């Protein structure tokens, strides 16, 4: 056991040195490389004149949803390290978000994050009325004209999703790999397509299975969907929506057989450490730091944030407990580490693919 742990620590040290040389110390720096931003406007957003910078975030679902939790953790970090004032409200419907946005404007908040796809049309309308307020819209169509004071961002974490798929392709014993996801909308499709592409690149024999639960946050439905895939012989499942780990953990405890799970957006490795092999993590600290630092400097421009793994936007986090136990073969870890470095340096590029993955991958299956 000591030898195995020493082996993995040595590998991680080497990888850490390589990553450090390629992208620098992995700490949010505030100003990320601007060439990774598709700037659609040039108007500078005014900076506040008095008091700490006040930022409000509006969440459509409970804060526990990983999509929300990723931004919440980054905002809490910013409050502690960057001196902002952070306020949030959860469970706000699309019908009510207009009222909530205006209440924050009236209260003097200078930056507002409507953190849901369903808010985008309201954000466009209200942002046009308040050009001195910065709006950071959490997902939305990229083919729409956006006001000058809007930054559009999304979980473009397809690099890490591809890497997770590569892991799945290497470790599957049945050649059946599954995805439990929300809706067939563009940003979700992007992750599912990347995951399946990675699995297929690692193992062309892989057959993908996809289930949409038609909800952004319903762990019970996600668990039921996962159990149905397990019954089909799927032995690795990408939990694009939260809840799959419960099914896999229950299966393992009752049968002793592992169905591996890949967590999404936040690190879910500890949620079910016997079966979660790793997590696709969306780290929003670099983004939040970029917004705050450039806003305060008066240099922030509206546009579309379209970062990659290189900027620290995403990463695949292994469950090292399973590595140390020898559940994951060392050669798998080594192969995946090589692919990861190629993603970081740009040698491998994962394209954003918005099309419904069922049309791409399920034809003839």
Protein backbone atom coordinates (compact mmCIF):
# COMPACT_ATOMS: atom_id res chain seq x y z
CA UNK A 1 0.00 0.00 0.00
CA UNK A 2 2.82 2.43 0.94
CA UNK A 3 4.51 1.71 -2.37
CA UNK A 4 1.30 2.42 -4.29
CA UNK A 5 0.72 5.70 -2.48
CA UNK A 6 4.33 6.73 -3.05
CA UNK A 7 3.93 5.86 -6.75
CA UNK A 8 0.86 8.04 -7.18
CA UNK A 9 2.34 10.90 -5.18
CA UNK A 10 5.42 10.81 -7.40
CA UNK A 11 3.27 10.92 -10.52
CA UNK A 12 1.23 13.81 -9.14
CA UNK A 13 4.39 15.73 -8.23
CA UNK A 14 5.68 15.37 -11.80
CA UNK A 15 2.31 16.38 -13.24
CA UNK A 16 2.15 19.34 -10.87
CA UNK A 17 5.55 20.55 -12.05
CA UNK A 18 4.46 20.23 -15.69
CA UNK A 19 1.22 22.08 -15.07
CA UNK A 20 3.10 24.75 -13.15
CA UNK A 21 5.43 25.27 -16.07
CA UNK A 22 2.59 25.35 -18.59
CA UNK A 23 0.00 27.48 -16.86
CA UNK A 24 1.65 28.81 -13.73
CA UNK A 25 0.55 28.34 -10.15
CA UNK A 26 -3.08 27.21 -10.08
CA UNK A 27 -4.40 30.16 -8.09
CA UNK A 28 -6.97 32.60 -9.50
CA UNK A 29 -5.08 35.67 -10.67
CA UNK A 30 -7.89 38.06 -11.40
CA UNK A 31 -6.96 38.90 -14.98
CA UNK A 32 -7.10 35.89 -17.30
CA UNK A 33 -5.71 35.99 -20.85
CA UNK A 34 -8.03 38.23 -22.83
CA UNK A 35 -7.54 36.35 -26.07
CA UNK A 36 -9.86 33.66 -24.75
CA UNK A 37 -12.79 36.09 -24.61
CA UNK A 38 -14.96 36.77 -27.61
CA UNK A 39 -15.57 40.47 -27.02
CA UNK A 40 -18.83 41.61 -28.55
CA UNK A 41 -18.92 45.16 -27.18
CA UNK A 42 -16.41 47.79 -26.12
CA UNK A 43 -18.23 49.92 -23.56
CA UNK A 44 -16.50 50.01 -20.20
CA UNK A 45 -18.76 49.39 -17.22
CA UNK A 46 -18.55 52.23 -14.64
CA UNK A 47 -17.03 51.33 -11.29
CA UNK A 48 -18.68 52.06 -7.94
CA UNK A 49 -17.74 55.26 -6.14
CA UNK A 50 -18.31 54.38 -2.48
CA UNK A 51 -18.27 51.34 -0.20
CA UNK A 52 -17.35 47.72 -0.96
CA UNK A 53 -18.33 46.31 -4.31
CA UNK A 54 -21.80 44.78 -3.90
CA UNK A 55 -22.63 41.66 -5.91
CA UNK A 56 -25.96 39.84 -5.94
CA UNK A 57 -26.58 36.39 -7.38
CA UNK A 58 -30.01 35.02 -8.27
CA UNK A 59 -30.45 31.23 -8.35
CA UNK A 60 -33.45 29.48 -9.89
CA UNK A 61 -33.00 26.24 -7.92
CA UNK A 62 -31.71 25.39 -4.41
CA UNK A 63 -28.17 26.38 -3.57
CA UNK A 64 -27.35 22.66 -3.22
CA UNK A 65 -27.58 22.14 -6.98
CA UNK A 66 -23.99 21.82 -8.28
CA UNK A 67 -24.55 24.52 -10.94
CA UNK A 68 -25.41 26.93 -8.12
CA UNK A 69 -22.88 25.62 -5.65
CA UNK A 70 -19.97 26.23 -8.03
CA UNK A 71 -20.73 29.96 -8.24
CA UNK A 72 -21.67 30.21 -4.57
CA UNK A 73 -18.31 28.77 -3.49
CA UNK A 74 -16.48 31.18 -5.80
CA UNK A 75 -18.44 34.13 -4.41
CA UNK A 76 -17.73 33.10 -0.83
CA UNK A 77 -14.06 32.89 -1.75
CA UNK A 78 -14.23 36.37 -3.32
CA UNK A 79 -15.94 37.80 -0.25
CA UNK A 80 -13.13 36.51 1.93
CA UNK A 81 -10.24 37.31 -0.40
CA UNK A 82 -11.34 40.24 -2.56
CA UNK A 83 -13.37 42.27 -0.09
CA UNK A 84 -16.71 42.25 -1.91
CA UNK A 85 -20.18 42.22 -0.41
CA UNK A 86 -22.02 39.09 -1.61
CA UNK A 87 -25.75 38.48 -1.34
CA UNK A 88 -27.81 35.76 -2.95
CA UNK A 89 -31.35 34.49 -3.24
CA UNK A 90 -32.43 31.02 -4.36
CA UNK A 91 -35.54 29.38 -5.84
CA UNK A 92 -36.52 32.39 -7.94
CA UNK A 93 -38.76 31.50 -10.87
CA UNK A 94 -38.33 32.94 -14.33
CA UNK A 95 -41.61 34.79 -13.86
CA UNK A 96 -40.32 36.53 -10.73
CA UNK A 97 -36.73 37.31 -11.67
CA UNK A 98 -37.55 40.75 -13.15
CA UNK A 99 -38.84 41.94 -9.77
CA UNK A 100 -35.84 40.50 -7.93
CA UNK A 101 -33.31 42.09 -10.28
CA UNK A 102 -34.94 45.49 -9.89
CA UNK A 103 -34.93 45.15 -6.10
CA UNK A 104 -31.16 44.62 -6.16
CA UNK A 105 -30.69 47.59 -8.48
CA UNK A 106 -32.71 49.76 -6.10
CA UNK A 107 -30.62 48.49 -3.17
CA UNK A 108 -27.42 49.71 -4.83
CA UNK A 109 -25.88 46.47 -6.07
CA UNK A 110 -23.45 47.21 -8.92
CA UNK A 111 -23.04 43.67 -10.28
CA UNK A 112 -25.92 41.20 -10.64
CA UNK A 113 -25.59 37.56 -11.66
CA UNK A 114 -28.85 36.06 -13.00
CA UNK A 115 -27.48 32.51 -12.81
CA UNK A 116 -29.88 30.53 -15.02
CA UNK A 117 -30.57 29.95 -18.69
CA UNK A 118 -34.24 30.73 -18.11
CA UNK A 119 -33.40 34.29 -17.04
CA UNK A 120 -31.64 35.36 -20.23
CA UNK A 121 -34.48 37.22 -21.96
CA UNK A 122 -35.26 39.15 -18.79
CA UNK A 123 -31.60 40.03 -18.38
CA UNK A 124 -31.44 41.48 -21.89
CA UNK A 125 -34.51 43.62 -21.28
CA UNK A 126 -33.58 44.89 -17.81
CA UNK A 127 -29.88 45.40 -18.59
CA UNK A 128 -30.89 47.72 -21.42
CA UNK A 129 -32.71 49.89 -18.86
CA UNK A 130 -29.76 50.07 -16.44
CA UNK A 131 -26.56 50.62 -18.47
CA UNK A 132 -24.56 51.49 -15.34
CA UNK A 133 -25.15 48.07 -13.78
CA UNK A 134 -23.07 45.08 -14.83
CA UNK A 135 -25.05 41.91 -15.50
CA UNK A 136 -23.30 38.54 -15.64
CA UNK A 137 -25.76 36.17 -17.27
CA UNK A 138 -25.33 32.51 -16.42
CA UNK A 139 -25.92 30.78 -19.78
CA UNK A 140 -28.01 31.88 -22.70
CA UNK A 141 -28.03 31.88 -26.50
CA UNK A 142 -24.87 33.15 -28.12
CA UNK A 143 -26.62 34.22 -31.32
CA UNK A 144 -28.63 36.99 -29.62
CA UNK A 145 -27.60 40.67 -29.49
CA UNK A 146 -26.60 41.40 -25.89
CA UNK A 147 -26.46 44.85 -24.26
CA UNK A 148 -23.03 46.41 -23.70
CA UNK A 149 -23.21 45.86 -19.96
CA UNK A 150 -23.71 42.09 -20.05
CA UNK A 151 -21.08 39.37 -19.68
CA UNK A 152 -22.39 36.00 -20.86
CA UNK A 153 -20.80 32.89 -19.34
CA UNK A 154 -21.64 29.20 -19.26
CA UNK A 155 -20.17 25.94 -18.04
CA UNK A 156 -18.04 25.39 -21.11
CA UNK A 157 -16.17 22.60 -19.35
CA UNK A 158 -16.07 20.27 -22.32
CA UNK A 159 -12.32 19.72 -21.89
CA UNK A 160 -12.81 18.10 -18.50
CA UNK A 161 -15.91 16.25 -19.71
CA UNK A 162 -13.88 14.82 -22.59
CA UNK A 163 -11.19 13.72 -20.13
CA UNK A 164 -13.82 12.06 -17.94
CA UNK A 165 -15.15 10.25 -20.98
CA UNK A 166 -11.64 9.07 -21.78
CA UNK A 167 -11.45 7.63 -18.27
CA UNK A 168 -14.81 5.91 -18.78
CA UNK A 169 -13.69 4.37 -22.07
CA UNK A 170 -10.59 2.93 -20.44
CA UNK A 171 -12.21 1.44 -17.34
CA UNK A 172 -15.53 0.09 -18.65
CA UNK A 173 -15.77 -3.70 -18.60
CA UNK A 174 -19.08 -3.93 -20.44
CA UNK A 175 -18.35 -1.28 -23.09
CA UNK A 176 -21.58 0.40 -22.00
CA UNK A 177 -21.19 3.99 -20.81
CA UNK A 178 -24.11 6.15 -19.68
CA UNK A 179 -25.06 9.78 -19.09
CA UNK A 180 -27.82 11.10 -16.84
CA UNK A 181 -28.55 14.69 -17.78
CA UNK A 182 -31.20 17.43 -17.69
CA UNK A 183 -32.52 18.80 -20.99
CA UNK A 184 -31.25 18.60 -24.59
CA UNK A 185 -30.23 22.26 -24.67
CA UNK A 186 -27.03 23.61 -26.16
CA UNK A 187 -24.80 23.88 -23.10
CA UNK A 188 -25.87 20.48 -21.77
CA UNK A 189 -25.44 18.86 -25.19
CA UNK A 190 -21.92 20.28 -25.31
CA UNK A 191 -20.87 18.35 -22.20
CA UNK A 192 -22.61 15.12 -23.17
CA UNK A 193 -21.05 15.15 -26.63
CA UNK A 194 -17.59 15.81 -25.20
CA UNK A 195 -17.92 12.99 -22.68
CA UNK A 196 -19.02 10.46 -25.29
CA UNK A 197 -16.32 11.64 -27.72
CA UNK A 198 -13.69 11.05 -25.03
CA UNK A 199 -15.05 7.58 -24.29
CA UNK A 200 -15.10 6.69 -27.99
CA UNK A 201 -11.56 8.01 -28.54
CA UNK A 202 -10.32 5.84 -25.69
CA UNK A 203 -12.40 2.81 -26.67
CA UNK A 204 -14.19 2.67 -30.04
CA UNK A 205 -16.24 -0.31 -28.80
CA UNK A 206 -18.14 1.89 -26.31
CA UNK A 207 -21.92 2.09 -26.70
CA UNK A 208 -23.41 5.25 -25.10
CA UNK A 209 -26.69 5.41 -23.21
CA UNK A 210 -28.32 8.79 -22.51
CA UNK A 211 -31.28 9.63 -20.26
CA UNK A 212 -32.76 13.11 -19.86
CA UNK A 213 -34.61 13.59 -16.59
CA UNK A 214 -36.27 16.83 -17.76
CA UNK A 215 -35.23 18.69 -14.62
CA UNK A 216 -32.27 20.78 -13.53
CA UNK A 217 -32.35 19.38 -10.02
CA UNK A 218 -34.18 16.19 -9.08
CA UNK A 219 -31.86 13.69 -7.35
CA UNK A 220 -34.68 11.17 -7.01
CA UNK A 221 -35.33 11.08 -10.75
CA UNK A 222 -31.60 10.97 -11.46
CA UNK A 223 -31.21 8.00 -9.12
CA UNK A 224 -34.09 6.13 -10.76
CA UNK A 225 -32.65 6.79 -14.22
CA UNK A 226 -29.25 5.53 -13.10
CA UNK A 227 -30.75 2.32 -11.72
CA UNK A 228 -32.35 1.67 -15.09
CA UNK A 229 -28.97 2.06 -16.81
CA UNK A 230 -27.33 -0.24 -14.30
CA UNK A 231 -29.97 -2.84 -15.11
CA UNK A 232 -28.91 -2.51 -18.78
CA UNK A 233 -25.32 -3.35 -17.90
CA UNK A 234 -23.91 0.18 -17.98
CA UNK A 235 -20.90 0.26 -15.66
CA UNK A 236 -19.73 3.90 -15.91
CA UNK A 237 -22.18 6.82 -15.67
CA UNK A 238 -21.56 10.53 -16.10
CA UNK A 239 -23.73 12.21 -13.46
CA UNK A 240 -24.27 15.43 -15.38
CA UNK A 241 -27.18 15.90 -12.97
CA UNK A 242 -26.84 15.27 -9.26
CA UNK A 243 -28.20 12.01 -7.80
CA UNK A 244 -26.57 9.21 -9.81
CA UNK A 245 -24.06 8.49 -7.06
CA UNK A 246 -26.88 7.39 -4.75
CA UNK A 247 -27.89 4.64 -7.17
CA UNK A 248 -24.34 3.43 -7.73
CA UNK A 249 -23.55 3.46 -4.01
CA UNK A 250 -26.72 1.51 -3.23
CA UNK A 251 -25.86 -1.02 -5.94
CA UNK A 252 -22.33 -1.46 -4.62
CA UNK A 253 -23.44 -1.98 -1.04
CA UNK A 254 -26.08 -4.53 -2.03
CA UNK A 255 -24.07 -6.48 -4.63
CA UNK A 256 -20.41 -5.68 -4.00
CA UNK A 257 -20.08 -4.68 -7.67
CA UNK A 258 -18.92 -1.22 -8.66
CA UNK A 259 -20.66 0.95 -11.21
CA UNK A 260 -18.40 3.95 -11.54
CA UNK A 261 -19.79 7.49 -11.43
CA UNK A 262 -18.29 10.73 -12.69
CA UNK A 263 -19.45 13.78 -10.74
CA UNK A 264 -20.13 17.08 -12.48
CA UNK A 265 -19.56 20.80 -11.86
CA UNK A 266 -18.45 20.43 -8.22
CA UNK A 267 -16.22 17.80 -6.64
CA UNK A 268 -18.55 14.96 -5.69
CA UNK A 269 -15.86 12.41 -4.85
CA UNK A 270 -16.77 12.27 -1.19
CA UNK A 271 -20.50 11.90 -1.86
CA UNK A 272 -19.96 8.19 -2.57
CA UNK A 273 -16.22 7.52 -2.32
CA UNK A 274 -16.54 3.81 -3.11
CA UNK A 275 -17.97 4.45 -6.58
CA UNK A 276 -17.29 8.05 -7.69
CA UNK A 277 -14.12 7.69 -9.72
CA UNK A 278 -13.67 11.44 -10.19
CA UNK A 279 -15.43 14.70 -10.91
CA UNK A 280 -15.61 17.19 -13.75
CA UNK A 281 -15.09 20.42 -11.80
CA UNK A 282 -16.09 23.91 -12.89
CA UNK A 283 -13.83 26.28 -10.94
CA UNK A 284 -15.39 29.75 -11.07
CA UNK A 285 -12.82 31.50 -8.89
CA UNK A 286 -10.68 32.62 -11.87
CA UNK A 287 -13.79 33.97 -13.59
CA UNK A 288 -15.14 35.78 -10.53
CA UNK A 289 -11.68 37.19 -9.85
CA UNK A 290 -11.45 38.36 -13.46
CA UNK A 291 -14.84 40.11 -13.26
CA UNK A 292 -14.13 41.85 -9.97
CA UNK A 293 -10.54 42.89 -10.71
CA UNK A 294 -11.29 44.31 -14.14
CA UNK A 295 -14.52 45.95 -13.01
CA UNK A 296 -12.70 47.77 -10.23
CA UNK A 297 -9.97 48.81 -12.67
CA UNK A 298 -12.54 50.12 -15.13
CA UNK A 299 -11.27 47.81 -17.87
CA UNK A 300 -14.03 45.20 -18.01
CA UNK A 301 -15.80 44.75 -21.33
CA UNK A 302 -19.02 42.94 -22.05
CA UNK A 303 -18.99 39.83 -24.18
CA UNK A 304 -18.89 36.07 -24.11
CA UNK A 305 -16.57 34.25 -21.73
CA UNK A 306 -15.33 31.18 -23.56
CA UNK A 307 -12.44 29.81 -21.53
CA UNK A 308 -10.88 26.33 -21.49
CA UNK A 309 -8.97 24.08 -19.14
CA UNK A 310 -5.87 26.20 -19.80
CA UNK A 311 -7.32 29.14 -17.84
CA UNK A 312 -8.27 26.92 -14.90
CA UNK A 313 -11.92 27.05 -15.94
CA UNK A 314 -12.28 23.28 -15.56
CA UNK A 315 -10.40 20.19 -14.47
CA UNK A 316 -10.90 16.50 -13.78
CA UNK A 317 -10.38 15.65 -10.11
CA UNK A 318 -9.53 12.02 -9.41
CA UNK A 319 -10.85 10.15 -6.39
CA UNK A 320 -7.42 9.28 -5.01
CA UNK A 321 -8.88 6.88 -2.48
CA UNK A 322 -9.76 4.55 -5.34
CA UNK A 323 -6.33 5.08 -6.88
CA UNK A 324 -4.60 4.23 -3.63
CA UNK A 325 -6.68 1.07 -3.27
CA UNK A 326 -5.55 -0.09 -6.69
CA UNK A 327 -9.12 -0.05 -8.01
CA UNK A 328 -7.90 2.14 -10.87
CA UNK A 329 -4.93 0.60 -12.70
CA UNK A 330 -1.78 2.78 -12.76
CA UNK A 331 -1.63 2.62 -16.55
CA UNK A 332 -5.07 4.23 -16.78
CA UNK A 333 -3.95 7.10 -14.57
CA UNK A 334 -0.82 7.55 -16.67
CA UNK A 335 -2.69 7.57 -20.00
CA UNK A 336 -5.24 10.05 -18.75
CA UNK A 337 -2.53 12.33 -17.35
CA UNK A 338 -0.89 12.48 -20.78
CA UNK A 339 -4.20 13.40 -22.42
CA UNK A 340 -4.76 16.05 -19.75
CA UNK A 341 -1.47 17.76 -20.54
CA UNK A 342 -2.34 17.80 -24.23
CA UNK A 343 -5.65 19.46 -23.42
CA UNK A 344 -3.94 22.11 -21.30
CA UNK A 345 -1.34 22.92 -23.95
CA UNK A 346 -3.89 22.91 -26.75
CA UNK A 347 -2.42 19.92 -28.57
CA UNK A 348 -5.85 18.33 -28.22
CA UNK A 349 -8.82 20.63 -28.78
CA UNK A 350 -12.34 19.67 -27.79
CA UNK A 351 -14.82 21.40 -30.03
CA UNK A 352 -18.08 22.78 -28.66
CA UNK A 353 -20.84 20.66 -30.20
CA UNK A 354 -24.37 21.94 -29.54
CA UNK A 355 -26.36 19.32 -31.43
CA UNK A 356 -28.54 16.79 -29.60
CA UNK A 357 -26.16 13.91 -28.79
CA UNK A 358 -28.85 11.35 -29.52
CA UNK A 359 -28.69 12.36 -33.17
CA UNK A 360 -24.92 11.99 -33.22
CA UNK A 361 -24.23 8.94 -31.11
CA UNK A 362 -27.38 6.83 -30.86
CA UNK A 363 -28.10 6.31 -34.57
CA UNK A 364 -28.42 2.60 -35.22
CA UNK A 365 -28.05 1.58 -31.56
